[in-house]
C-alpha atoms as a PDB file:
ATOM      1  CA  UNK A   1     132.378 121.025 176.779  1.00  0.00           C
ATOM      2  CA  UNK A   2     129.649 118.782 178.169  1.00  0.00           C
ATOM      3  CA  UNK A   3     128.308 118.286 174.691  1.00  0.00           C
ATOM      4  CA  UNK A   4     131.664 117.163 173.267  1.00  0.00           C
ATOM      5  CA  UNK A   5     132.168 114.711 176.152  1.00  0.00           C
ATOM      6  CA  UNK A   6     128.663 113.334 175.606  1.00  0.00           C
ATOM      7  CA  UNK A   7     129.285 112.888 171.850  1.00  0.00           C
ATOM      8  CA  UNK A   8     132.636 111.225 172.504  1.00  0.00           C
ATOM      9  CA  UNK A   9     131.019 108.807 174.994  1.00  0.00           C
ATOM     10  CA  UNK A  10     128.220 107.897 172.564  1.00  0.00           C
ATOM     11  CA  UNK A  11     130.740 107.324 169.745  1.00  0.00           C
ATOM     12  CA  UNK A  12     132.842 105.077 171.973  1.00  0.00           C
ATOM     13  CA  UNK A  13     129.824 103.006 173.003  1.00  0.00           C
ATOM     14  CA  UNK A  14     128.653 102.665 169.391  1.00  0.00           C
ATOM     15  CA  UNK A  15     132.108 101.508 168.291  1.00  0.00           C
ATOM     16  CA  UNK A  16     132.170  98.858 171.016  1.00  0.00           C
ATOM     17  CA  UNK A  17     128.809  97.498 169.921  1.00  0.00           C
ATOM     18  CA  UNK A  18     129.866  97.327 166.259  1.00  0.00           C
ATOM     19  CA  UNK A  19     132.997  95.311 166.892  1.00  0.00           C
ATOM     20  CA  UNK A  20     131.055  92.867 169.042  1.00  0.00           C
ATOM     21  CA  UNK A  21     128.378  92.484 166.328  1.00  0.00           C
ATOM     22  CA  UNK A  22     131.067  92.050 163.689  1.00  0.00           C
ATOM     23  CA  UNK A  23     132.776  89.317 165.722  1.00  0.00           C
ATOM     24  CA  UNK A  24     129.432  87.557 166.168  1.00  0.00           C
ATOM     25  CA  UNK A  25     128.683  87.796 162.450  1.00  0.00           C
ATOM     26  CA  UNK A  26     132.129  86.437 161.522  1.00  0.00           C
ATOM     27  CA  UNK A  27     131.735  83.517 163.938  1.00  0.00           C
ATOM     28  CA  UNK A  28     128.332  82.670 162.448  1.00  0.00           C
ATOM     29  CA  UNK A  29     129.707  82.870 158.891  1.00  0.00           C
ATOM     30  CA  UNK A  30     132.657  80.613 159.783  1.00  0.00           C
ATOM     31  CA  UNK A  31     130.346  78.056 161.411  1.00  0.00           C
ATOM     32  CA  UNK A  32     128.069  78.010 158.348  1.00  0.00           C
ATOM     33  CA  UNK A  33     131.047  77.562 156.012  1.00  0.00           C
ATOM     34  CA  UNK A  34     132.429  74.696 158.112  1.00  0.00           C
ATOM     35  CA  UNK A  35     129.232  72.642 157.814  1.00  0.00           C
ATOM     36  CA  UNK A  36     129.294  70.329 154.818  1.00  0.00           C
ATOM     37  CA  UNK A  37     126.006  69.449 153.171  1.00  0.00           C
ATOM     38  CA  UNK A  38     124.709  66.022 154.060  1.00  0.00           C
ATOM     39  CA  UNK A  39     124.830  63.591 151.099  1.00  0.00           C
ATOM     40  CA  UNK A  40     121.506  62.700 149.523  1.00  0.00           C
ATOM     41  CA  UNK A  41     119.947  59.344 150.373  1.00  0.00           C
ATOM     42  CA  UNK A  42     120.972  56.485 148.057  1.00  0.00           C
ATOM     43  CA  UNK A  43     118.014  54.458 146.779  1.00  0.00           C
ATOM     44  CA  UNK A  44     120.193  51.875 144.999  1.00  0.00           C
ATOM     45  CA  UNK A  45     122.631  49.115 145.865  1.00  0.00           C
ATOM     46  CA  UNK A  46     125.850  48.966 143.844  1.00  0.00           C
ATOM     47  CA  UNK A  47     124.512  45.950 141.887  1.00  0.00           C
ATOM     48  CA  UNK A  48     121.490  48.045 140.826  1.00  0.00           C
ATOM     49  CA  UNK A  49     123.523  50.594 138.820  1.00  0.00           C
ATOM     50  CA  UNK A  50     125.579  49.966 135.688  1.00  0.00           C
ATOM     51  CA  UNK A  51     126.797  51.171 132.308  1.00  0.00           C
ATOM     52  CA  UNK A  52     128.138  54.624 133.173  1.00  0.00           C
ATOM     53  CA  UNK A  53     129.435  56.654 130.216  1.00  0.00           C
ATOM     54  CA  UNK A  54     130.322  60.300 129.750  1.00  0.00           C
ATOM     55  CA  UNK A  55     130.507  62.077 126.397  1.00  0.00           C
ATOM     56  CA  UNK A  56     130.026  65.538 124.894  1.00  0.00           C
ATOM     57  CA  UNK A  57     127.103  66.727 122.822  1.00  0.00           C
ATOM     58  CA  UNK A  58     127.412  68.960 119.739  1.00  0.00           C
ATOM     59  CA  UNK A  59     127.472  72.078 121.968  1.00  0.00           C
ATOM     60  CA  UNK A  60     130.359  70.754 124.086  1.00  0.00           C
ATOM     61  CA  UNK A  61     128.226  70.021 127.164  1.00  0.00           C
ATOM     62  CA  UNK A  62     128.783  66.784 129.096  1.00  0.00           C
ATOM     63  CA  UNK A  63     126.203  63.994 128.729  1.00  0.00           C
ATOM     64  CA  UNK A  64     126.165  61.203 131.340  1.00  0.00           C
ATOM     65  CA  UNK A  65     124.339  57.925 130.711  1.00  0.00           C
ATOM     66  CA  UNK A  66     123.761  54.763 132.694  1.00  0.00           C
ATOM     67  CA  UNK A  67     121.097  52.378 133.972  1.00  0.00           C
ATOM     68  CA  UNK A  68     119.485  51.930 137.360  1.00  0.00           C
ATOM     69  CA  UNK A  69     117.271  49.103 138.592  1.00  0.00           C
ATOM     70  CA  UNK A  70     113.996  49.791 140.370  1.00  0.00           C
ATOM     71  CA  UNK A  71     111.944  46.708 141.200  1.00  0.00           C
ATOM     72  CA  UNK A  72     108.813  48.708 142.027  1.00  0.00           C
ATOM     73  CA  UNK A  73     107.583  50.158 138.716  1.00  0.00           C
ATOM     74  CA  UNK A  74     105.628  52.866 140.564  1.00  0.00           C
ATOM     75  CA  UNK A  75     108.990  54.658 140.721  1.00  0.00           C
ATOM     76  CA  UNK A  76     111.377  55.557 137.946  1.00  0.00           C
ATOM     77  CA  UNK A  77     115.085  56.224 138.123  1.00  0.00           C
ATOM     78  CA  UNK A  78     116.597  59.517 136.980  1.00  0.00           C
ATOM     79  CA  UNK A  79     119.521  61.805 137.750  1.00  0.00           C
ATOM     80  CA  UNK A  80     119.303  64.529 140.370  1.00  0.00           C
ATOM     81  CA  UNK A  81     120.601  67.937 139.197  1.00  0.00           C
ATOM     82  CA  UNK A  82     124.359  67.950 138.648  1.00  0.00           C
ATOM     83  CA  UNK A  83     126.810  69.829 140.854  1.00  0.00           C
ATOM     84  CA  UNK A  84     129.817  71.377 139.110  1.00  0.00           C
ATOM     85  CA  UNK A  85     132.954  72.437 140.944  1.00  0.00           C
ATOM     86  CA  UNK A  86     135.799  73.618 138.712  1.00  0.00           C
ATOM     87  CA  UNK A  87     136.610  70.865 136.224  1.00  0.00           C
ATOM     88  CA  UNK A  88     134.713  68.154 138.110  1.00  0.00           C
ATOM     89  CA  UNK A  89     130.982  67.443 137.962  1.00  0.00           C
ATOM     90  CA  UNK A  90     128.987  65.194 140.280  1.00  0.00           C
ATOM     91  CA  UNK A  91     125.739  63.440 139.364  1.00  0.00           C
ATOM     92  CA  UNK A  92     123.606  61.129 141.491  1.00  0.00           C
ATOM     93  CA  UNK A  93     120.868  58.705 140.489  1.00  0.00           C
ATOM     94  CA  UNK A  94     117.635  59.090 142.404  1.00  0.00           C
ATOM     95  CA  UNK A  95     113.984  58.117 142.017  1.00  0.00           C
ATOM     96  CA  UNK A  96     110.676  59.836 141.455  1.00  0.00           C
ATOM     97  CA  UNK A  97     107.117  58.687 141.046  1.00  0.00           C
ATOM     98  CA  UNK A  98     106.677  57.026 137.641  1.00  0.00           C
ATOM     99  CA  UNK A  99     105.022  59.569 135.379  1.00  0.00           C
ATOM    100  CA  UNK A 100     105.297  57.525 132.182  1.00  0.00           C
ATOM    101  CA  UNK A 101     102.492  55.060 132.834  1.00  0.00           C
ATOM    102  CA  UNK A 102     104.816  52.228 131.796  1.00  0.00           C
ATOM    103  CA  UNK A 103     107.591  50.281 133.507  1.00  0.00           C
ATOM    104  CA  UNK A 104     111.127  49.954 132.204  1.00  0.00           C
ATOM    105  CA  UNK A 105     112.182  46.748 130.409  1.00  0.00           C
ATOM    106  CA  UNK A 106     113.173  44.260 133.141  1.00  0.00           C
ATOM    107  CA  UNK A 107     112.906  47.225 135.584  1.00  0.00           C
ATOM    108  CA  UNK A 108     116.240  48.721 134.355  1.00  0.00           C
ATOM    109  CA  UNK A 109     115.681  52.420 133.720  1.00  0.00           C
ATOM    110  CA  UNK A 110     118.001  54.072 131.204  1.00  0.00           C
ATOM    111  CA  UNK A 111     118.973  57.394 132.738  1.00  0.00           C
ATOM    112  CA  UNK A 112     120.620  60.323 130.987  1.00  0.00           C
ATOM    113  CA  UNK A 113     121.470  63.877 131.941  1.00  0.00           C
ATOM    114  CA  UNK A 114     123.101  66.753 130.112  1.00  0.00           C
ATOM    115  CA  UNK A 115     125.117  69.077 132.344  1.00  0.00           C
ATOM    116  CA  UNK A 116     124.558  72.625 131.064  1.00  0.00           C
ATOM    117  CA  UNK A 117     127.514  74.988 130.610  1.00  0.00           C
ATOM    118  CA  UNK A 118     129.986  72.165 131.239  1.00  0.00           C
ATOM    119  CA  UNK A 119     132.553  72.834 128.526  1.00  0.00           C
ATOM    120  CA  UNK A 120     135.358  73.037 131.128  1.00  0.00           C
ATOM    121  CA  UNK A 121     134.439  69.765 132.882  1.00  0.00           C
ATOM    122  CA  UNK A 122     137.024  66.997 132.432  1.00  0.00           C
ATOM    123  CA  UNK A 123     135.828  64.483 135.040  1.00  0.00           C
ATOM    124  CA  UNK A 124     132.411  63.275 136.209  1.00  0.00           C
ATOM    125  CA  UNK A 125     131.816  61.446 139.474  1.00  0.00           C
ATOM    126  CA  UNK A 126     128.682  59.336 139.749  1.00  0.00           C
ATOM    127  CA  UNK A 127     127.765  59.223 143.428  1.00  0.00           C
ATOM    128  CA  UNK A 128     125.079  57.494 145.422  1.00  0.00           C
ATOM    129  CA  UNK A 129     124.843  58.809 148.957  1.00  0.00           C
ATOM    130  CA  UNK A 130     128.387  59.306 150.232  1.00  0.00           C
ATOM    131  CA  UNK A 131     129.817  56.607 147.907  1.00  0.00           C
ATOM    132  CA  UNK A 132     131.482  57.283 144.562  1.00  0.00           C
ATOM    133  CA  UNK A 133     130.064  54.686 142.152  1.00  0.00           C
ATOM    134  CA  UNK A 134     132.100  55.677 139.075  1.00  0.00           C
ATOM    135  CA  UNK A 135     134.714  58.215 138.031  1.00  0.00           C
ATOM    136  CA  UNK A 136     134.455  59.041 134.348  1.00  0.00           C
ATOM    137  CA  UNK A 137     136.958  60.916 132.201  1.00  0.00           C
ATOM    138  CA  UNK A 138     135.246  63.243 129.765  1.00  0.00           C
ATOM    139  CA  UNK A 139     136.653  63.359 126.230  1.00  0.00           C
ATOM    140  CA  UNK A 140     137.992  66.723 125.084  1.00  0.00           C
ATOM    141  CA  UNK A 141     135.757  68.985 123.035  1.00  0.00           C
ATOM    142  CA  UNK A 142     136.285  68.473 119.300  1.00  0.00           C
END
């Protein structure tokens, strides 16, 4: 009899601890999901970006092109990796140390990126920081 009461007490205590841990874990998961990622820093003013175009390559993937101005030729402009969410993709121009050994003509860097596995994408947003610079409709796959 003592043994069954002892086992019942231990089981009850273990169950109480599990529900408390589960509630803590759920609260932590909800807090993590509620936090939105901070937008990347924008290295360009709106007048330093132009010529945005979106098209498809022969495989059906989306190709985004444009130009970005960088006065200091020690740095070159390029696109950060794209983020795809459903039928919308987001690309952002950024900079890196110039690895070419040459500057761009008049400091306007032509930048291009191909978004892999983007056959379902119908819209591309070009963003810089929290601002949307351009919204581009992507032509349908032929």
